Amino acid sequence: MSVKTSISLTGSQEAYARDMVARGRYPSLSAVLQHGLELLKLETEAQEAELAALRALLTDRRGDEFVSIEQGRERTERMMASKSGA
């Protein structure tokens, strides 16, 4: 269902949208704007999903054991030594 609304564009935005229509990329100015809004929606949803994943990762990591820098280095050195066969 389409809803009519009034919007304001800068001169360069309008020129660009009209150029897209003139080139045959879109059938109308409305189609240009609708496509732009759909892209913005997808971008926003992707950012929100990424943020949720990062939050979940941080929450998960908070539950793990924390080690000092020295302990981390020692663990890394032991792991590397075991991989090299030393």
C-alpha atoms as a PDB file:
ATOM      1  CA  MET A   1       0.000   0.000   0.000  1.00  0.00           C
ATOM      2  CA  SER A   2       1.381   3.398  -0.947  1.00  0.00           C
ATOM      3  CA  VAL A   3       1.062   6.468   1.216  1.00  0.00           C
ATOM      4  CA  LYS A   4       1.538   9.949  -0.193  1.00  0.00           C
ATOM      5  CA  THR A   5       3.838  12.196   1.764  1.00  0.00           C
ATOM      6  CA  SER A   6       5.753  15.402   1.238  1.00  0.00           C
ATOM      7  CA  ILE A   7       9.536  15.492   1.615  1.00  0.00           C
ATOM      8  CA  SER A   8      12.295  18.004   1.099  1.00  0.00           C
ATOM      9  CA  LEU A   9      15.468  17.256  -0.844  1.00  0.00           C
ATOM     10  CA  THR A  10      18.574  19.275  -1.461  1.00  0.00           C
ATOM     11  CA  GLY A  11      19.113  20.431  -5.007  1.00  0.00           C
ATOM     12  CA  SER A  12      21.835  17.864  -5.590  1.00  0.00           C
ATOM     13  CA  GLN A  13      19.679  15.050  -4.167  1.00  0.00           C
ATOM     14  CA  GLU A  14      16.820  15.952  -6.468  1.00  0.00           C
ATOM     15  CA  ALA A  15      19.153  16.239  -9.468  1.00  0.00           C
ATOM     16  CA  TYR A  16      20.637  12.841  -8.723  1.00  0.00           C
ATOM     17  CA  ALA A  17      17.230  11.200  -8.296  1.00  0.00           C
ATOM     18  CA  ARG A  18      15.947  12.755 -11.516  1.00  0.00           C
ATOM     19  CA  ASP A  19      19.088  11.594 -13.314  1.00  0.00           C
ATOM     20  CA  MET A  20      18.447   8.027 -12.150  1.00  0.00           C
ATOM     21  CA  VAL A  21      14.944   8.245 -13.610  1.00  0.00           C
ATOM     22  CA  ALA A  22      16.221   9.834 -16.847  1.00  0.00           C
ATOM     23  CA  ARG A  23      18.755   7.021 -17.267  1.00  0.00           C
ATOM     24  CA  GLY A  24      15.993   4.459 -16.897  1.00  0.00           C
ATOM     25  CA  ARG A  25      17.322   3.038 -13.639  1.00  0.00           C
ATOM     26  CA  TYR A  26      14.009   3.770 -11.893  1.00  0.00           C
ATOM     27  CA  PRO A  27      10.530   4.452 -13.201  1.00  0.00           C
ATOM     28  CA  SER A  28       9.898   7.461 -10.936  1.00  0.00           C
ATOM     29  CA  LEU A  29      11.295   9.677  -8.214  1.00  0.00           C
ATOM     30  CA  SER A  30       9.203   7.735  -5.723  1.00  0.00           C
ATOM     31  CA  ALA A  31      10.906   4.499  -6.803  1.00  0.00           C
ATOM     32  CA  VAL A  32      14.342   6.077  -6.278  1.00  0.00           C
ATOM     33  CA  LEU A  33      13.438   7.179  -2.758  1.00  0.00           C
ATOM     34  CA  GLN A  34      11.745   3.886  -1.899  1.00  0.00           C
ATOM     35  CA  HIS A  35      14.845   1.979  -2.954  1.00  0.00           C
ATOM     36  CA  GLY A  36      17.030   4.328  -0.916  1.00  0.00           C
ATOM     37  CA  LEU A  37      14.883   3.779   2.154  1.00  0.00           C
ATOM     38  CA  GLU A  38      15.007   0.003   1.695  1.00  0.00           C
ATOM     39  CA  LEU A  39      18.807   0.148   1.519  1.00  0.00           C
ATOM     40  CA  LEU A  40      18.895   2.289   4.659  1.00  0.00           C
ATOM     41  CA  LYS A  41      16.606  -0.190   6.411  1.00  0.00           C
ATOM     42  CA  LEU A  42      18.862  -3.125   5.466  1.00  0.00           C
ATOM     43  CA  GLU A  43      21.963  -1.229   6.589  1.00  0.00           C
ATOM     44  CA  THR A  44      20.352  -0.334   9.916  1.00  0.00           C
ATOM     45  CA  GLU A  45      19.206  -3.919  10.498  1.00  0.00           C
ATOM     46  CA  ALA A  46      22.706  -5.216   9.718  1.00  0.00           C
ATOM     47  CA  GLN A  47      24.267  -2.737  12.152  1.00  0.00           C
ATOM     48  CA  GLU A  48      21.772  -3.685  14.853  1.00  0.00           C
ATOM     49  CA  ALA A  49      22.469  -7.393  14.310  1.00  0.00           C
ATOM     50  CA  GLU A  50      26.216  -6.779  14.484  1.00  0.00           C
ATOM     51  CA  LEU A  51      25.813  -4.770  17.684  1.00  0.00           C
ATOM     52  CA  ALA A  52      23.665  -7.513  19.224  1.00  0.00           C
ATOM     53  CA  ALA A  53      26.298 -10.114  18.307  1.00  0.00           C
ATOM     54  CA  LEU A  54      29.050  -8.002  19.864  1.00  0.00           C
ATOM     55  CA  ARG A  55      27.008  -7.520  23.017  1.00  0.00           C
ATOM     56  CA  ALA A  56      26.394 -11.268  23.225  1.00  0.00           C
ATOM     57  CA  LEU A  57      30.104 -11.934  22.745  1.00  0.00           C
ATOM     58  CA  LEU A  58      31.013  -9.471  25.500  1.00  0.00           C
ATOM     59  CA  THR A  59      28.459 -11.020  27.834  1.00  0.00           C
ATOM     60  CA  ASP A  60      29.847 -14.468  27.086  1.00  0.00           C
ATOM     61  CA  ARG A  61      33.449 -13.332  27.570  1.00  0.00           C
ATOM     62  CA  ARG A  62      32.609 -11.738  30.925  1.00  0.00           C
ATOM     63  CA  GLY A  63      31.759 -15.202  32.185  1.00  0.00           C
ATOM     64  CA  ASP A  64      35.181 -16.603  31.263  1.00  0.00           C
ATOM     65  CA  GLU A  65      38.292 -16.627  33.401  1.00  0.00           C
ATOM     66  CA  PHE A  66      40.453 -13.531  33.168  1.00  0.00           C
ATOM     67  CA  VAL A  67      44.211 -13.888  33.215  1.00  0.00           C
ATOM     68  CA  SER A  68      47.000 -11.373  33.647  1.00  0.00           C
ATOM     69  CA  ILE A  69      49.163 -10.330  30.736  1.00  0.00           C
ATOM     70  CA  GLU A  70      52.007 -12.415  32.147  1.00  0.00           C
ATOM     71  CA  GLN A  71      49.785 -15.500  32.426  1.00  0.00           C
ATOM     72  CA  GLY A  72      48.575 -14.939  28.870  1.00  0.00           C
ATOM     73  CA  ARG A  73      52.140 -14.703  27.574  1.00  0.00           C
ATOM     74  CA  GLU A  74      53.141 -17.856  29.443  1.00  0.00           C
ATOM     75  CA  ARG A  75      50.155 -19.756  28.030  1.00  0.00           C
ATOM     76  CA  THR A  76      50.942 -18.529  24.527  1.00  0.00           C
ATOM     77  CA  GLU A  77      54.610 -19.520  24.826  1.00  0.00           C
ATOM     78  CA  ARG A  78      53.667 -22.994  26.109  1.00  0.00           C
ATOM     79  CA  MET A  79      51.182 -23.434  23.280  1.00  0.00           C
ATOM     80  CA  MET A  80      53.733 -22.351  20.669  1.00  0.00           C
ATOM     81  CA  ALA A  81      56.351 -24.638  22.161  1.00  0.00           C
ATOM     82  CA  SER A  82      53.975 -27.591  22.069  1.00  0.00           C
ATOM     83  CA  LYS A  83      53.095 -26.870  18.417  1.00  0.00           C
ATOM     84  CA  SER A  84      56.746 -26.635  17.369  1.00  0.00           C
ATOM     85  CA  GLY A  85      57.578 -29.934  19.063  1.00  0.00           C
ATOM     86  CA  ALA A  86      60.069 -28.334  21.427  1.00  0.00           C
END
